């Protein structure tokens, strides 16, 4: 009986020795998880502003600051949805969304794979006289012609826009030029928030509606 406390202490010491490496391993794993997650959170940071150059996968441009920080209309939210659905959650693209619905292109855009959409803002549509815009919105053929001119059948990176010429789904050609965070489409329409990812598209939000040549 007198040896019982010693035996217990010995057993506890052995248990502690056995558990110590496991504890250290857990701490080590926890530390590596923290390190692994840090770049993701850091990478997500510039998405809400326009300070970072367009050298990575982050959105860029002055209008990006107006994108909601959370929810379906945020960059993270739009990345989960196909492009027409994603656009419907962006408050700056309501006229475009109306036009896409009028033309019956919602399913076409949502079901397409690996496309690029040059998306005019509400302000871009506001540059068109109201009577002319209403006429276009009421003419499905003309509207479809214009909207499909804004879509390219591949995901375009900012680097590809530096001096590019691309065939659109409308079969016309559009040209792009620029560098860094400054890009222009067809020498007239400025990219105001670029490299926005959706589930099936890269989106470049532009300040002027593109007209087929």
C-alpha atoms as a PDB file:
ATOM      1  CA  UNK A   1       0.000   0.000   0.000  1.00  0.00           C
ATOM      2  CA  UNK A   2       2.858   2.366   0.666  1.00  0.00           C
ATOM      3  CA  UNK A   3       3.971   2.094  -2.937  1.00  0.00           C
ATOM      4  CA  UNK A   4       0.571   3.123  -4.303  1.00  0.00           C
ATOM      5  CA  UNK A   5       1.185   6.931  -4.364  1.00  0.00           C
ATOM      6  CA  UNK A   6       4.508   6.389  -6.096  1.00  0.00           C
ATOM      7  CA  UNK A   7       2.883   4.195  -8.686  1.00  0.00           C
ATOM      8  CA  UNK A   8       0.210   6.808  -9.274  1.00  0.00           C
ATOM      9  CA  UNK A   9       2.787   9.588  -9.565  1.00  0.00           C
ATOM     10  CA  UNK A  10       4.792   7.469 -11.978  1.00  0.00           C
ATOM     11  CA  UNK A  11       1.719   6.788 -14.075  1.00  0.00           C
ATOM     12  CA  UNK A  12       0.869  10.484 -14.173  1.00  0.00           C
ATOM     13  CA  UNK A  13       4.397  11.357 -15.214  1.00  0.00           C
ATOM     14  CA  UNK A  14       4.276   8.828 -18.028  1.00  0.00           C
ATOM     15  CA  UNK A  15       0.883  10.134 -19.171  1.00  0.00           C
ATOM     16  CA  UNK A  16       2.167  13.706 -19.158  1.00  0.00           C
ATOM     17  CA  UNK A  17       5.235  12.662 -21.139  1.00  0.00           C
ATOM     18  CA  UNK A  18       3.024  10.910 -23.669  1.00  0.00           C
ATOM     19  CA  UNK A  19       0.636  13.858 -24.008  1.00  0.00           C
ATOM     20  CA  UNK A  20       3.286  16.564 -24.253  1.00  0.00           C
ATOM     21  CA  UNK A  21       4.358  15.784 -27.856  1.00  0.00           C
ATOM     22  CA  UNK A  22       0.686  15.691 -28.881  1.00  0.00           C
ATOM     23  CA  UNK A  23       0.099  19.089 -27.300  1.00  0.00           C
ATOM     24  CA  UNK A  24       3.152  20.513 -29.033  1.00  0.00           C
ATOM     25  CA  UNK A  25       2.019  19.040 -32.340  1.00  0.00           C
ATOM     26  CA  UNK A  26      -1.427  20.592 -31.896  1.00  0.00           C
ATOM     27  CA  UNK A  27       0.127  23.957 -31.173  1.00  0.00           C
ATOM     28  CA  UNK A  28       2.342  23.588 -34.210  1.00  0.00           C
ATOM     29  CA  UNK A  29      -0.638  22.696 -36.415  1.00  0.00           C
ATOM     30  CA  UNK A  30      -2.589  25.635 -35.039  1.00  0.00           C
ATOM     31  CA  UNK A  31       0.278  27.947 -35.818  1.00  0.00           C
ATOM     32  CA  UNK A  32       0.553  26.695 -39.383  1.00  0.00           C
ATOM     33  CA  UNK A  33      -3.190  27.170 -39.855  1.00  0.00           C
ATOM     34  CA  UNK A  34      -2.862  30.760 -38.713  1.00  0.00           C
ATOM     35  CA  UNK A  35      -0.015  31.356 -41.105  1.00  0.00           C
ATOM     36  CA  UNK A  36      -1.854  29.694 -43.968  1.00  0.00           C
ATOM     37  CA  UNK A  37      -4.993  31.765 -43.448  1.00  0.00           C
ATOM     38  CA  UNK A  38      -3.166  35.058 -43.092  1.00  0.00           C
ATOM     39  CA  UNK A  39      -2.422  35.599 -46.820  1.00  0.00           C
ATOM     40  CA  UNK A  40      -6.076  34.935 -47.684  1.00  0.00           C
ATOM     41  CA  UNK A  41      -7.292  37.622 -45.313  1.00  0.00           C
ATOM     42  CA  UNK A  42      -4.574  39.961 -46.472  1.00  0.00           C
ATOM     43  CA  UNK A  43      -5.428  39.261 -50.094  1.00  0.00           C
ATOM     44  CA  UNK A  44      -9.090  39.994 -49.426  1.00  0.00           C
ATOM     45  CA  UNK A  45      -8.262  43.401 -48.016  1.00  0.00           C
ATOM     46  CA  UNK A  46      -7.538  45.332 -51.238  1.00  0.00           C
ATOM     47  CA  UNK A  47     -10.767  44.057 -52.789  1.00  0.00           C
ATOM     48  CA  UNK A  48     -12.725  46.740 -50.983  1.00  0.00           C
ATOM     49  CA  UNK A  49     -10.504  49.595 -52.109  1.00  0.00           C
ATOM     50  CA  UNK A  50      -8.407  50.729 -55.038  1.00  0.00           C
ATOM     51  CA  UNK A  51      -4.960  51.014 -53.491  1.00  0.00           C
ATOM     52  CA  UNK A  52      -3.509  47.768 -54.827  1.00  0.00           C
ATOM     53  CA  UNK A  53      -2.314  47.604 -58.456  1.00  0.00           C
ATOM     54  CA  UNK A  54      -4.009  45.151 -60.781  1.00  0.00           C
ATOM     55  CA  UNK A  55      -1.253  42.601 -60.605  1.00  0.00           C
ATOM     56  CA  UNK A  56      -3.115  39.829 -58.778  1.00  0.00           C
ATOM     57  CA  UNK A  57      -6.621  38.486 -58.617  1.00  0.00           C
ATOM     58  CA  UNK A  58      -8.170  41.425 -56.763  1.00  0.00           C
ATOM     59  CA  UNK A  59     -10.724  43.907 -58.130  1.00  0.00           C
ATOM     60  CA  UNK A  60      -9.387  47.386 -58.838  1.00  0.00           C
ATOM     61  CA  UNK A  61     -10.628  50.836 -59.779  1.00  0.00           C
ATOM     62  CA  UNK A  62     -12.340  53.819 -58.150  1.00  0.00           C
ATOM     63  CA  UNK A  63     -15.891  52.431 -58.355  1.00  0.00           C
ATOM     64  CA  UNK A  64     -14.892  49.313 -56.397  1.00  0.00           C
ATOM     65  CA  UNK A  65     -15.192  51.387 -53.221  1.00  0.00           C
ATOM     66  CA  UNK A  66     -18.958  51.549 -53.798  1.00  0.00           C
ATOM     67  CA  UNK A  67     -19.399  47.768 -53.834  1.00  0.00           C
ATOM     68  CA  UNK A  68     -21.083  46.474 -50.650  1.00  0.00           C
ATOM     69  CA  UNK A  69     -18.629  45.072 -48.123  1.00  0.00           C
ATOM     70  CA  UNK A  70     -20.878  42.148 -47.165  1.00  0.00           C
ATOM     71  CA  UNK A  71     -23.742  40.108 -48.542  1.00  0.00           C
ATOM     72  CA  UNK A  72     -24.669  38.858 -52.002  1.00  0.00           C
ATOM     73  CA  UNK A  73     -23.584  42.105 -53.670  1.00  0.00           C
ATOM     74  CA  UNK A  74     -20.091  42.082 -52.162  1.00  0.00           C
ATOM     75  CA  UNK A  75     -17.064  40.759 -54.045  1.00  0.00           C
ATOM     76  CA  UNK A  76     -17.189  37.520 -52.043  1.00  0.00           C
ATOM     77  CA  UNK A  77     -20.928  37.211 -52.636  1.00  0.00           C
ATOM     78  CA  UNK A  78     -20.699  37.820 -56.389  1.00  0.00           C
ATOM     79  CA  UNK A  79     -17.914  35.239 -56.693  1.00  0.00           C
ATOM     80  CA  UNK A  80     -20.392  32.549 -55.624  1.00  0.00           C
ATOM     81  CA  UNK A  81     -23.088  33.378 -58.200  1.00  0.00           C
ATOM     82  CA  UNK A  82     -23.236  33.169 -62.010  1.00  0.00           C
ATOM     83  CA  UNK A  83     -22.791  36.521 -63.681  1.00  0.00           C
ATOM     84  CA  UNK A  84     -26.401  37.635 -64.322  1.00  0.00           C
ATOM     85  CA  UNK A  85     -27.381  36.731 -60.768  1.00  0.00           C
ATOM     86  CA  UNK A  86     -24.277  38.431 -59.388  1.00  0.00           C
ATOM     87  CA  UNK A  87     -25.047  41.609 -61.341  1.00  0.00           C
ATOM     88  CA  UNK A  88     -28.595  41.659 -59.958  1.00  0.00           C
ATOM     89  CA  UNK A  89     -27.116  42.004 -56.466  1.00  0.00           C
ATOM     90  CA  UNK A  90     -24.952  44.995 -57.411  1.00  0.00           C
ATOM     91  CA  UNK A  91     -26.870  48.265 -56.890  1.00  0.00           C
ATOM     92  CA  UNK A  92     -24.837  50.074 -59.579  1.00  0.00           C
ATOM     93  CA  UNK A  93     -25.926  47.655 -62.322  1.00  0.00           C
ATOM     94  CA  UNK A  94     -29.721  47.782 -62.041  1.00  0.00           C
ATOM     95  CA  UNK A  95     -30.309  49.168 -65.556  1.00  0.00           C
ATOM     96  CA  UNK A  96     -28.061  46.505 -67.064  1.00  0.00           C
ATOM     97  CA  UNK A  97     -29.962  43.823 -65.168  1.00  0.00           C
ATOM     98  CA  UNK A  98     -33.272  45.203 -66.471  1.00  0.00           C
ATOM     99  CA  UNK A  99     -31.884  45.175 -70.020  1.00  0.00           C
ATOM    100  CA  UNK A 100     -30.624  41.597 -69.681  1.00  0.00           C
ATOM    101  CA  UNK A 101     -34.061  40.484 -68.476  1.00  0.00           C
ATOM    102  CA  UNK A 102     -35.802  42.376 -71.298  1.00  0.00           C
ATOM    103  CA  UNK A 103     -33.578  40.628 -73.836  1.00  0.00           C
ATOM    104  CA  UNK A 104     -34.157  37.209 -72.268  1.00  0.00           C
ATOM    105  CA  UNK A 105     -30.425  36.700 -71.707  1.00  0.00           C
ATOM    106  CA  UNK A 106     -30.399  35.785 -68.007  1.00  0.00           C
ATOM    107  CA  UNK A 107     -30.126  32.031 -68.576  1.00  0.00           C
ATOM    108  CA  UNK A 108     -27.710  32.497 -71.482  1.00  0.00           C
ATOM    109  CA  UNK A 109     -25.280  34.465 -69.345  1.00  0.00           C
ATOM    110  CA  UNK A 110     -25.719  32.369 -66.227  1.00  0.00           C
ATOM    111  CA  UNK A 111     -25.136  29.109 -68.088  1.00  0.00           C
ATOM    112  CA  UNK A 112     -22.142  30.288 -70.130  1.00  0.00           C
ATOM    113  CA  UNK A 113     -18.715  29.134 -68.995  1.00  0.00           C
ATOM    114  CA  UNK A 114     -15.575  31.260 -68.670  1.00  0.00           C
ATOM    115  CA  UNK A 115     -16.722  34.530 -70.194  1.00  0.00           C
ATOM    116  CA  UNK A 116     -15.878  38.196 -69.698  1.00  0.00           C
ATOM    117  CA  UNK A 117     -18.615  40.792 -69.329  1.00  0.00           C
ATOM    118  CA  UNK A 118     -18.029  44.516 -69.751  1.00  0.00           C
ATOM    119  CA  UNK A 119     -20.849  45.755 -67.543  1.00  0.00           C
ATOM    120  CA  UNK A 120     -22.091  49.364 -67.970  1.00  0.00           C
ATOM    121  CA  UNK A 121     -23.128  51.128 -64.796  1.00  0.00           C
ATOM    122  CA  UNK A 122     -26.457  52.893 -64.323  1.00  0.00           C
ATOM    123  CA  UNK A 123     -24.594  56.160 -64.960  1.00  0.00           C
ATOM    124  CA  UNK A 124     -23.353  54.743 -68.271  1.00  0.00           C
ATOM    125  CA  UNK A 125     -26.923  54.053 -69.393  1.00  0.00           C
ATOM    126  CA  UNK A 126     -27.947  57.509 -68.145  1.00  0.00           C
ATOM    127  CA  UNK A 127     -25.669  59.037 -70.806  1.00  0.00           C
ATOM    128  CA  UNK A 128     -28.102  57.742 -73.434  1.00  0.00           C
ATOM    129  CA  UNK A 129     -31.108  60.059 -73.951  1.00  0.00           C
ATOM    130  CA  UNK A 130     -34.125  58.553 -72.193  1.00  0.00           C
ATOM    131  CA  UNK A 131     -36.294  58.365 -75.301  1.00  0.00           C
ATOM    132  CA  UNK A 132     -33.531  56.528 -77.170  1.00  0.00           C
ATOM    133  CA  UNK A 133     -32.875  54.181 -74.244  1.00  0.00           C
ATOM    134  CA  UNK A 134     -36.576  53.367 -73.869  1.00  0.00           C
ATOM    135  CA  UNK A 135     -36.736  52.596 -77.596  1.00  0.00           C
ATOM    136  CA  UNK A 136     -33.760  50.237 -77.345  1.00  0.00           C
ATOM    137  CA  UNK A 137     -35.173  48.496 -74.280  1.00  0.00           C
ATOM    138  CA  UNK A 138     -38.411  47.875 -76.187  1.00  0.00           C
ATOM    139  CA  UNK A 139     -36.601  46.406 -79.211  1.00  0.00           C
ATOM    140  CA  UNK A 140     -35.436  42.926 -78.210  1.00  0.00           C
ATOM    141  CA  UNK A 141     -33.329  42.334 -81.322  1.00  0.00           C
ATOM    142  CA  UNK A 142     -31.430  45.620 -81.023  1.00  0.00           C
ATOM    143  CA  UNK A 143     -31.055  45.185 -77.275  1.00  0.00           C
ATOM    144  CA  UNK A 144     -29.686  41.657 -77.667  1.00  0.00           C
ATOM    145  CA  UNK A 145     -27.264  42.917 -80.297  1.00  0.00           C
ATOM    146  CA  UNK A 146     -25.941  45.584 -77.932  1.00  0.00           C
ATOM    147  CA  UNK A 147     -25.759  43.398 -74.824  1.00  0.00           C
ATOM    148  CA  UNK A 148     -23.992  40.464 -76.489  1.00  0.00           C
ATOM    149  CA  UNK A 149     -21.418  42.962 -77.813  1.00  0.00           C
ATOM    150  CA  UNK A 150     -20.400  43.436 -74.161  1.00  0.00           C
ATOM    151  CA  UNK A 151     -19.523  39.732 -73.734  1.00  0.00           C
ATOM    152  CA  UNK A 152     -16.304  37.956 -74.744  1.00  0.00           C
ATOM    153  CA  UNK A 153     -16.142  34.167 -74.774  1.00  0.00           C
ATOM    154  CA  UNK A 154     -13.132  33.820 -72.474  1.00  0.00           C
ATOM    155  CA  UNK A 155     -12.036  35.052 -69.058  1.00  0.00           C
ATOM    156  CA  UNK A 156      -9.799  38.070 -69.682  1.00  0.00           C
ATOM    157  CA  UNK A 157      -7.121  39.100 -67.194  1.00  0.00           C
ATOM    158  CA  UNK A 158      -6.100  42.746 -66.742  1.00  0.00           C
ATOM    159  CA  UNK A 159      -2.822  41.950 -68.509  1.00  0.00           C
ATOM    160  CA  UNK A 160      -4.744  40.807 -71.590  1.00  0.00           C
ATOM    161  CA  UNK A 161      -6.489  44.190 -71.701  1.00  0.00           C
ATOM    162  CA  UNK A 162      -3.215  46.119 -72.041  1.00  0.00           C
ATOM    163  CA  UNK A 163      -3.361  45.990 -75.833  1.00  0.00           C
ATOM    164  CA  UNK A 164      -6.156  43.633 -76.815  1.00  0.00           C
ATOM    165  CA  UNK A 165      -8.631  42.918 -79.583  1.00  0.00           C
ATOM    166  CA  UNK A 166     -11.407  40.432 -78.878  1.00  0.00           C
ATOM    167  CA  UNK A 167     -14.370  38.948 -80.702  1.00  0.00           C
ATOM    168  CA  UNK A 168     -17.630  39.328 -78.800  1.00  0.00           C
ATOM    169  CA  UNK A 169     -20.650  37.034 -78.664  1.00  0.00           C
ATOM    170  CA  UNK A 170     -22.305  39.515 -81.036  1.00  0.00           C
ATOM    171  CA  UNK A 171     -19.447  38.618 -83.459  1.00  0.00           C
ATOM    172  CA  UNK A 172     -18.151  42.178 -83.559  1.00  0.00           C
ATOM    173  CA  UNK A 173     -14.702  43.148 -82.296  1.00  0.00           C
ATOM    174  CA  UNK A 174     -13.841  45.362 -79.343  1.00  0.00           C
ATOM    175  CA  UNK A 175     -10.445  46.730 -78.418  1.00  0.00           C
ATOM    176  CA  UNK A 176      -8.836  47.430 -75.061  1.00  0.00           C
ATOM    177  CA  UNK A 177      -5.751  49.266 -73.924  1.00  0.00           C
ATOM    178  CA  UNK A 178      -4.134  50.478 -70.726  1.00  0.00           C
ATOM    179  CA  UNK A 179      -2.045  49.264 -67.796  1.00  0.00           C
ATOM    180  CA  UNK A 180      -2.065  49.070 -64.010  1.00  0.00           C
ATOM    181  CA  UNK A 181      -5.517  50.244 -62.952  1.00  0.00           C
ATOM    182  CA  UNK A 182      -6.240  52.370 -66.039  1.00  0.00           C
ATOM    183  CA  UNK A 183      -8.000  50.608 -68.925  1.00  0.00           C
ATOM    184  CA  UNK A 184     -10.170  51.852 -71.785  1.00  0.00           C
ATOM    185  CA  UNK A 185     -12.496  49.867 -74.044  1.00  0.00           C
ATOM    186  CA  UNK A 186     -13.001  51.021 -77.657  1.00  0.00           C
ATOM    187  CA  UNK A 187     -11.158  54.275 -76.839  1.00  0.00           C
ATOM    188  CA  UNK A 188     -14.292  55.591 -75.138  1.00  0.00           C
ATOM    189  CA  UNK A 189     -15.375  53.540 -72.146  1.00  0.00           C
ATOM    190  CA  UNK A 190     -13.277  53.518 -68.971  1.00  0.00           C
ATOM    191  CA  UNK A 191     -13.041  50.523 -66.663  1.00  0.00           C
ATOM    192  CA  UNK A 192     -14.134  51.867 -63.256  1.00  0.00           C
ATOM    193  CA  UNK A 193     -14.052  48.574 -61.338  1.00  0.00           C
ATOM    194  CA  UNK A 194     -12.206  45.730 -62.990  1.00  0.00           C
ATOM    195  CA  UNK A 195     -11.349  42.077 -62.461  1.00  0.00           C
ATOM    196  CA  UNK A 196     -14.514  41.301 -60.502  1.00  0.00           C
ATOM    197  CA  UNK A 197     -14.985  37.542 -60.293  1.00  0.00           C
ATOM    198  CA  UNK A 198     -18.274  35.683 -60.526  1.00  0.00           C
ATOM    199  CA  UNK A 199     -18.784  31.929 -60.620  1.00  0.00           C
ATOM    200  CA  UNK A 200     -18.545  31.837 -64.419  1.00  0.00           C
ATOM    201  CA  UNK A 201     -17.148  35.191 -65.529  1.00  0.00           C
ATOM    202  CA  UNK A 202     -14.689  38.010 -65.094  1.00  0.00           C
ATOM    203  CA  UNK A 203     -16.481  41.351 -64.996  1.00  0.00           C
ATOM    204  CA  UNK A 204     -15.124  44.785 -65.895  1.00  0.00           C
ATOM    205  CA  UNK A 205     -17.558  47.503 -64.899  1.00  0.00           C
ATOM    206  CA  UNK A 206     -17.417  50.383 -67.409  1.00  0.00           C
ATOM    207  CA  UNK A 207     -18.658  53.967 -67.496  1.00  0.00           C
ATOM    208  CA  UNK A 208     -20.023  54.033 -71.056  1.00  0.00           C
ATOM    209  CA  UNK A 209     -22.300  51.652 -72.973  1.00  0.00           C
ATOM    210  CA  UNK A 210     -20.435  49.966 -75.825  1.00  0.00           C
ATOM    211  CA  UNK A 211     -22.105  50.170 -79.237  1.00  0.00           C
ATOM    212  CA  UNK A 212     -21.426  47.520 -81.901  1.00  0.00           C
ATOM    213  CA  UNK A 213     -19.331  48.767 -84.776  1.00  0.00           C
END
